[in-house]
Amino acid sequence: MPATLEVVCENDDCELDMFEMHYTYDMPDDVGIDAFECPYCTETDSLREVEL
């Protein structure tokens, strides 16, 4: 089953609380949270992976 990454945007000015990304099987293993930006505020430094 493809990996799922749950992400929180911690930018105080952003209206987006949390989102979930579903990878495909072709996603490289070394891709992490630093490769993405918030789809709402476009910040990259404010994203944090939710650890379950």
PDB file of N, CA and C in Angstrom:
ATOM      1  N   MET A   1       0.847  -1.184   0.000  1.00  0.00           N
ATOM      2  CA  MET A   1       0.000   0.000   0.000  1.00  0.00           C
ATOM      3  C   MET A   1       0.888   1.241   0.000  1.00  0.00           C
ATOM      4  N   PRO A   2       0.564   2.244  -0.813  1.00  0.00           N
ATOM      5  CA  PRO A   2       1.375   3.459  -0.872  1.00  0.00           C
ATOM      6  C   PRO A   2       1.409   4.171   0.479  1.00  0.00           C
ATOM      7  N   ALA A   3       2.505   4.871   0.713  1.00  0.00           N
ATOM      8  CA  ALA A   3       2.668   5.607   1.967  1.00  0.00           C
ATOM      9  C   ALA A   3       1.716   6.796   2.053  1.00  0.00           C
ATOM     10  N   THR A   4       1.369   7.159   3.268  1.00  0.00           N
ATOM     11  CA  THR A   4       0.542   8.330   3.528  1.00  0.00           C
ATOM     12  C   THR A   4       1.308   9.236   4.473  1.00  0.00           C
ATOM     13  N   LEU A   5       1.285  10.522   4.201  1.00  0.00           N
ATOM     14  CA  LEU A   5       1.975  11.491   5.042  1.00  0.00           C
ATOM     15  C   LEU A   5       0.944  12.495   5.526  1.00  0.00           C
ATOM     16  N   GLU A   6       0.763  12.590   6.850  1.00  0.00           N
ATOM     17  CA  GLU A   6      -0.147  13.571   7.433  1.00  0.00           C
ATOM     18  C   GLU A   6       0.685  14.771   7.864  1.00  0.00           C
ATOM     19  N   VAL A   7       0.221  15.960   7.482  1.00  0.00           N
ATOM     20  CA  VAL A   7       1.014  17.171   7.648  1.00  0.00           C
ATOM     21  C   VAL A   7       0.186  18.260   8.317  1.00  0.00           C
ATOM     22  N   VAL A   8       0.843  19.003   9.202  1.00  0.00           N
ATOM     23  CA  VAL A   8       0.239  20.153   9.864  1.00  0.00           C
ATOM     24  C   VAL A   8       1.013  21.386   9.428  1.00  0.00           C
ATOM     25  N   CYS A   9       0.298  22.465   9.117  1.00  0.00           N
ATOM     26  CA  CYS A   9       0.941  23.741   8.827  1.00  0.00           C
ATOM     27  C   CYS A   9       0.889  24.568  10.112  1.00  0.00           C
ATOM     28  N   GLU A  10       2.067  24.948  10.608  1.00  0.00           N
ATOM     29  CA  GLU A  10       2.155  25.689  11.867  1.00  0.00           C
ATOM     30  C   GLU A  10       2.319  27.194  11.662  1.00  0.00           C
ATOM     31  N   ASN A  11       2.072  27.676  10.466  1.00  0.00           N
ATOM     32  CA  ASN A  11       2.103  29.112  10.185  1.00  0.00           C
ATOM     33  C   ASN A  11       0.869  29.734  10.830  1.00  0.00           C
ATOM     34  N   ASP A  12       1.061  30.660  11.756  1.00  0.00           N
ATOM     35  CA  ASP A  12      -0.063  31.282  12.472  1.00  0.00           C
ATOM     36  C   ASP A  12      -1.015  32.043  11.555  1.00  0.00           C
ATOM     37  N   ASP A  13      -0.528  32.490  10.408  1.00  0.00           N
ATOM     38  CA  ASP A  13      -1.366  33.241   9.472  1.00  0.00           C
ATOM     39  C   ASP A  13      -2.074  32.342   8.454  1.00  0.00           C
ATOM     40  N   CYS A  14      -1.845  31.049   8.531  1.00  0.00           N
ATOM     41  CA  CYS A  14      -2.433  30.111   7.570  1.00  0.00           C
ATOM     42  C   CYS A  14      -3.755  29.568   8.103  1.00  0.00           C
ATOM     43  N   GLU A  15      -4.721  29.438   7.233  1.00  0.00           N
ATOM     44  CA  GLU A  15      -6.044  28.923   7.598  1.00  0.00           C
ATOM     45  C   GLU A  15      -6.131  27.397   7.500  1.00  0.00           C
ATOM     46  N   LEU A  16      -5.128  26.765   6.899  1.00  0.00           N
ATOM     47  CA  LEU A  16      -5.135  25.321   6.734  1.00  0.00           C
ATOM     48  C   LEU A  16      -4.628  24.666   8.013  1.00  0.00           C
ATOM     49  N   ASP A  17      -5.373  23.735   8.520  1.00  0.00           N
ATOM     50  CA  ASP A  17      -5.015  23.066   9.767  1.00  0.00           C
ATOM     51  C   ASP A  17      -4.137  21.844   9.501  1.00  0.00           C
ATOM     52  N   MET A  18      -4.664  20.911   8.720  1.00  0.00           N
ATOM     53  CA  MET A  18      -3.966  19.657   8.484  1.00  0.00           C
ATOM     54  C   MET A  18      -4.361  19.117   7.112  1.00  0.00           C
ATOM     55  N   PHE A  19      -3.450  18.414   6.480  1.00  0.00           N
ATOM     56  CA  PHE A  19      -3.788  17.752   5.227  1.00  0.00           C
ATOM     57  C   PHE A  19      -3.021  16.442   5.138  1.00  0.00           C
ATOM     58  N   GLU A  20      -3.453  15.595   4.229  1.00  0.00           N
ATOM     59  CA  GLU A  20      -2.883  14.270   4.087  1.00  0.00           C
ATOM     60  C   GLU A  20      -2.448  14.076   2.648  1.00  0.00           C
ATOM     61  N   MET A  21      -1.250  13.538   2.470  1.00  0.00           N
ATOM     62  CA  MET A  21      -0.742  13.268   1.126  1.00  0.00           C
ATOM     63  C   MET A  21      -0.609  11.761   0.957  1.00  0.00           C
ATOM     64  N   HIS A  22      -1.032  11.276  -0.187  1.00  0.00           N
ATOM     65  CA  HIS A  22      -0.920   9.863  -0.516  1.00  0.00           C
ATOM     66  C   HIS A  22       0.103   9.724  -1.629  1.00  0.00           C
ATOM     67  N   TYR A  23       1.173   9.031  -1.341  1.00  0.00           N
ATOM     68  CA  TYR A  23       2.211   8.810  -2.337  1.00  0.00           C
ATOM     69  C   TYR A  23       1.811   7.692  -3.277  1.00  0.00           C
ATOM     70  N   THR A  24       2.441   7.679  -4.433  1.00  0.00           N
ATOM     71  CA  THR A  24       2.323   6.527  -5.324  1.00  0.00           C
ATOM     72  C   THR A  24       3.488   5.586  -5.034  1.00  0.00           C
ATOM     73  N   TYR A  25       3.460   4.437  -5.589  1.00  0.00           N
ATOM     74  CA  TYR A  25       4.550   3.482  -5.393  1.00  0.00           C
ATOM     75  C   TYR A  25       5.859   3.989  -5.987  1.00  0.00           C
ATOM     76  N   ASP A  26       5.787   4.938  -6.913  1.00  0.00           N
ATOM     77  CA  ASP A  26       6.985   5.432  -7.591  1.00  0.00           C
ATOM     78  C   ASP A  26       7.710   6.541  -6.826  1.00  0.00           C
ATOM     79  N   MET A  27       7.187   6.969  -5.690  1.00  0.00           N
ATOM     80  CA  MET A  27       7.814   8.042  -4.921  1.00  0.00           C
ATOM     81  C   MET A  27       9.145   7.543  -4.343  1.00  0.00           C
ATOM     82  N   PRO A  28      10.232   8.279  -4.552  1.00  0.00           N
ATOM     83  CA  PRO A  28      11.528   7.846  -3.988  1.00  0.00           C
ATOM     84  C   PRO A  28      11.476   7.757  -2.463  1.00  0.00           C
ATOM     85  N   ASP A  29      12.208   6.828  -1.898  1.00  0.00           N
ATOM     86  CA  ASP A  29      12.206   6.605  -0.454  1.00  0.00           C
ATOM     87  C   ASP A  29      12.743   7.791   0.343  1.00  0.00           C
ATOM     88  N   ASP A  30      13.610   8.598  -0.260  1.00  0.00           N
ATOM     89  CA  ASP A  30      14.230   9.706   0.469  1.00  0.00           C
ATOM     90  C   ASP A  30      13.403  10.994   0.452  1.00  0.00           C
ATOM     91  N   VAL A  31      12.215  10.973  -0.124  1.00  0.00           N
ATOM     92  CA  VAL A  31      11.351  12.157  -0.144  1.00  0.00           C
ATOM     93  C   VAL A  31      10.714  12.323   1.229  1.00  0.00           C
ATOM     94  N   GLY A  32      10.834  13.530   1.773  1.00  0.00           N
ATOM     95  CA  GLY A  32      10.261  13.820   3.085  1.00  0.00           C
ATOM     96  C   GLY A  32       9.495  15.121   3.086  1.00  0.00           C
ATOM     97  N   ILE A  33       9.154  15.573   4.268  1.00  0.00           N
ATOM     98  CA  ILE A  33       8.337  16.770   4.439  1.00  0.00           C
ATOM     99  C   ILE A  33       9.005  18.008   3.836  1.00  0.00           C
ATOM    100  N   ASP A  34      10.314  18.048   3.797  1.00  0.00           N
ATOM    101  CA  ASP A  34      11.034  19.209   3.274  1.00  0.00           C
ATOM    102  C   ASP A  34      10.886  19.374   1.765  1.00  0.00           C
ATOM    103  N   ALA A  35      10.339  18.392   1.079  1.00  0.00           N
ATOM    104  CA  ALA A  35      10.153  18.464  -0.372  1.00  0.00           C
ATOM    105  C   ALA A  35       8.819  19.117  -0.759  1.00  0.00           C
ATOM    106  N   PHE A  36       8.006  19.503   0.227  1.00  0.00           N
ATOM    107  CA  PHE A  36       6.660  20.001  -0.057  1.00  0.00           C
ATOM    108  C   PHE A  36       6.441  21.392   0.534  1.00  0.00           C
ATOM    109  N   GLU A  37       5.384  22.036   0.055  1.00  0.00           N
ATOM    110  CA  GLU A  37       4.969  23.329   0.613  1.00  0.00           C
ATOM    111  C   GLU A  37       3.486  23.262   0.934  1.00  0.00           C
ATOM    112  N   CYS A  38       3.048  24.138   1.822  1.00  0.00           N
ATOM    113  CA  CYS A  38       1.638  24.193   2.188  1.00  0.00           C
ATOM    114  C   CYS A  38       0.825  24.621   0.968  1.00  0.00           C
ATOM    115  N   PRO A  39      -0.227  23.898   0.627  1.00  0.00           N
ATOM    116  CA  PRO A  39      -1.033  24.272  -0.541  1.00  0.00           C
ATOM    117  C   PRO A  39      -1.840  25.550  -0.332  1.00  0.00           C
ATOM    118  N   TYR A  40      -1.950  26.019   0.890  1.00  0.00           N
ATOM    119  CA  TYR A  40      -2.732  27.230   1.163  1.00  0.00           C
ATOM    120  C   TYR A  40      -1.843  28.476   1.229  1.00  0.00           C
ATOM    121  N   CYS A  41      -0.822  28.438   2.099  1.00  0.00           N
ATOM    122  CA  CYS A  41       0.012  29.635   2.298  1.00  0.00           C
ATOM    123  C   CYS A  41       1.339  29.551   1.552  1.00  0.00           C
ATOM    124  N   THR A  42       1.650  28.435   0.967  1.00  0.00           N
ATOM    125  CA  THR A  42       2.867  28.144   0.200  1.00  0.00           C
ATOM    126  C   THR A  42       4.157  28.212   1.027  1.00  0.00           C
ATOM    127  N   GLU A  43       4.056  28.197   2.342  1.00  0.00           N
ATOM    128  CA  GLU A  43       5.244  28.164   3.191  1.00  0.00           C
ATOM    129  C   GLU A  43       5.819  26.753   3.187  1.00  0.00           C
ATOM    130  N   THR A  44       7.119  26.638   3.327  1.00  0.00           N
ATOM    131  CA  THR A  44       7.762  25.332   3.406  1.00  0.00           C
ATOM    132  C   THR A  44       8.290  25.058   4.807  1.00  0.00           C
ATOM    133  N   ASP A  45       8.746  26.085   5.497  1.00  0.00           N
ATOM    134  CA  ASP A  45       9.342  25.904   6.825  1.00  0.00           C
ATOM    135  C   ASP A  45       8.323  25.641   7.913  1.00  0.00           C
ATOM    136  N   SER A  46       7.057  25.907   7.655  1.00  0.00           N
ATOM    137  CA  SER A  46       6.042  25.769   8.689  1.00  0.00           C
ATOM    138  C   SER A  46       5.369  24.389   8.706  1.00  0.00           C
ATOM    139  N   LEU A  47       5.762  23.511   7.805  1.00  0.00           N
ATOM    140  CA  LEU A  47       5.144  22.182   7.758  1.00  0.00           C
ATOM    141  C   LEU A  47       5.807  21.241   8.756  1.00  0.00           C
ATOM    142  N   ARG A  48       4.974  20.429   9.398  1.00  0.00           N
ATOM    143  CA  ARG A  48       5.445  19.432  10.349  1.00  0.00           C
ATOM    144  C   ARG A  48       4.696  18.143  10.091  1.00  0.00           C
ATOM    145  N   GLU A  49       5.416  17.039  10.043  1.00  0.00           N
ATOM    146  CA  GLU A  49       4.800  15.727   9.862  1.00  0.00           C
ATOM    147  C   GLU A  49       4.130  15.296  11.160  1.00  0.00           C
ATOM    148  N   VAL A  50       2.910  14.769  11.062  1.00  0.00           N
ATOM    149  CA  VAL A  50       2.197  14.257  12.220  1.00  0.00           C
ATOM    150  C   VAL A  50       2.706  12.844  12.487  1.00  0.00           C
ATOM    151  N   GLU A  51       3.238  12.637  13.676  1.00  0.00           N
ATOM    152  CA  GLU A  51       3.728  11.323  14.084  1.00  0.00           C
ATOM    153  C   GLU A  51       2.608  10.586  14.797  1.00  0.00           C
ATOM    154  N   LEU A  52       2.209   9.450  14.269  1.00  0.00           N
ATOM    155  CA  LEU A  52       1.151   8.664  14.898  1.00  0.00           C
ATOM    156  C   LEU A  52       1.720   7.549  15.733  1.00  0.00           C
TER     157      LEU A  52
END
